[in-house]
């Protein structure tokens, strides 16, 4: 018998709401650059986030998900970074931005893009 927790699957939504266009364009750019493994890792981490939610660090891989600021989280597959937020009423994670991280700190420009999108979630 499955526990109630294991039956729960979190929703994954995308901002702006344009049928995954942001993620698709990110994956296409990775493919063009020869980064197929990073693309596969991105899809795996999103799938694990859907499955485990905030328990991803415990149930999948430590340091997979890191809180950056209030309402802003960073999913960390390889060198890719996926900025997201969580909407408790919907039990949904919203993917806000995707990029390759080239420095130790998350660029302010990327965080600002995500913050603007957070404000648009109702």
Protein backbone atom coordinates (compact mmCIF):
# COMPACT_ATOMS: atom_id res chain seq x y z
CA UNK A 1 0.00 0.00 0.00
CA UNK A 2 1.37 3.40 -0.98
CA UNK A 3 1.60 6.12 1.62
CA UNK A 4 -0.28 9.37 1.08
CA UNK A 5 3.03 11.23 0.67
CA UNK A 6 4.29 8.94 -2.10
CA UNK A 7 1.05 9.42 -4.07
CA UNK A 8 1.42 13.20 -4.07
CA UNK A 9 2.85 14.63 -7.26
CA UNK A 10 3.62 18.31 -7.39
CA UNK A 11 2.56 20.30 -10.42
CA UNK A 12 5.17 21.96 -12.59
CA UNK A 13 4.07 25.16 -14.30
CA UNK A 14 5.95 27.62 -16.45
CA UNK A 15 6.18 31.39 -16.47
CA UNK A 16 5.50 33.12 -18.67
CA UNK A 17 2.67 30.70 -19.41
CA UNK A 18 3.54 29.78 -22.97
CA UNK A 19 3.50 25.99 -23.10
CA UNK A 20 7.04 25.38 -21.87
CA UNK A 21 8.64 27.71 -24.46
CA UNK A 22 11.29 28.89 -22.01
CA UNK A 23 12.35 25.37 -21.11
CA UNK A 24 12.19 24.18 -24.72
CA UNK A 25 14.38 27.03 -25.97
CA UNK A 26 16.86 26.38 -23.13
CA UNK A 27 17.06 22.67 -24.00
CA UNK A 28 17.47 23.48 -27.71
CA UNK A 29 20.33 25.87 -26.92
CA UNK A 30 22.00 23.18 -24.79
CA UNK A 31 21.66 20.70 -27.64
CA UNK A 32 23.13 23.15 -30.18
CA UNK A 33 26.08 23.72 -27.85
CA UNK A 34 26.67 19.97 -27.50
CA UNK A 35 25.48 19.86 -23.89
CA UNK A 36 23.10 16.92 -24.26
CA UNK A 37 23.99 15.51 -20.83
CA UNK A 38 23.09 18.79 -19.12
CA UNK A 39 19.76 18.79 -20.96
CA UNK A 40 19.03 15.24 -19.80
CA UNK A 41 19.96 16.24 -16.27
CA UNK A 42 17.61 19.25 -16.40
CA UNK A 43 14.69 17.01 -17.39
CA UNK A 44 15.57 14.46 -14.70
CA UNK A 45 15.73 17.09 -11.96
CA UNK A 46 12.39 18.59 -13.02
CA UNK A 47 10.87 15.12 -12.91
CA UNK A 48 12.33 14.49 -9.44
CA UNK A 49 11.05 17.88 -8.26
CA UNK A 50 7.57 16.87 -9.45
CA UNK A 51 7.92 13.62 -7.51
CA UNK A 52 9.63 14.77 -4.27
CA UNK A 53 8.95 18.51 -4.00
CA UNK A 54 10.92 20.11 -1.18
CA UNK A 55 12.16 16.66 -0.09
CA UNK A 56 14.27 16.40 -3.26
CA UNK A 57 17.50 17.03 -1.32
CA UNK A 58 16.73 14.17 1.04
CA UNK A 59 15.06 11.72 -1.34
CA UNK A 60 17.03 12.27 -4.55
CA UNK A 61 20.31 14.17 -4.26
CA UNK A 62 21.55 16.61 -1.64
CA UNK A 63 21.95 20.22 -2.76
CA UNK A 64 19.52 19.70 -5.66
CA UNK A 65 17.33 22.57 -4.49
CA UNK A 66 18.59 25.69 -2.79
CA UNK A 67 16.63 28.63 -1.41
CA UNK A 68 18.01 31.91 -2.78
CA UNK A 69 15.59 34.38 -1.24
CA UNK A 70 12.02 34.47 -0.01
CA UNK A 71 9.85 32.82 -2.69
CA UNK A 72 12.87 32.11 -4.95
CA UNK A 73 14.52 28.70 -5.26
CA UNK A 74 17.27 27.33 -7.47
CA UNK A 75 17.17 23.81 -8.92
CA UNK A 76 20.76 22.75 -9.61
CA UNK A 77 21.30 20.07 -12.28
CA UNK A 78 25.01 20.06 -13.20
CA UNK A 79 26.00 23.58 -14.34
CA UNK A 80 22.42 24.49 -15.29
CA UNK A 81 20.27 26.55 -12.98
CA UNK A 82 16.49 26.68 -12.94
CA UNK A 83 14.96 29.46 -10.91
CA UNK A 84 11.53 28.67 -9.54
CA UNK A 85 8.94 29.55 -6.97
CA UNK A 86 6.32 27.52 -5.14
CA UNK A 87 2.60 28.30 -4.98
CA UNK A 88 1.21 26.45 -1.95
CA UNK A 89 -2.49 26.71 -2.86
CA UNK A 90 -1.87 24.97 -6.16
CA UNK A 91 0.88 22.68 -4.85
CA UNK A 92 2.79 23.82 -7.91
CA UNK A 93 6.33 24.84 -8.69
CA UNK A 94 6.63 27.57 -11.30
CA UNK A 95 9.72 27.50 -13.49
CA UNK A 96 10.74 31.10 -14.01
CA UNK A 97 14.15 31.10 -15.66
CA UNK A 98 16.81 28.68 -16.94
CA UNK A 99 20.48 29.39 -17.58
CA UNK A 100 24.00 28.00 -17.35
CA UNK A 101 25.72 29.22 -14.22
CA UNK A 102 29.24 30.44 -14.95
CA UNK A 103 30.16 32.02 -11.60
CA UNK A 104 29.76 31.06 -7.94
CA UNK A 105 26.93 33.53 -7.37
CA UNK A 106 23.61 33.52 -9.16
CA UNK A 107 23.63 36.63 -11.38
CA UNK A 108 21.40 39.45 -10.13
CA UNK A 109 20.01 39.89 -13.65
CA UNK A 110 18.68 36.31 -13.62
CA UNK A 111 17.20 36.74 -10.13
CA UNK A 112 15.53 40.00 -11.21
CA UNK A 113 13.91 38.30 -14.21
CA UNK A 114 12.53 35.66 -11.85
CA UNK A 115 11.23 38.21 -9.33
CA UNK A 116 9.28 40.02 -12.06
CA UNK A 117 7.60 36.74 -13.05
CA UNK A 118 6.82 35.88 -9.41
CA UNK A 119 4.79 39.08 -9.18
CA UNK A 120 2.66 37.95 -12.13
CA UNK A 121 1.58 34.66 -10.50
CA UNK A 122 -1.93 34.96 -9.09
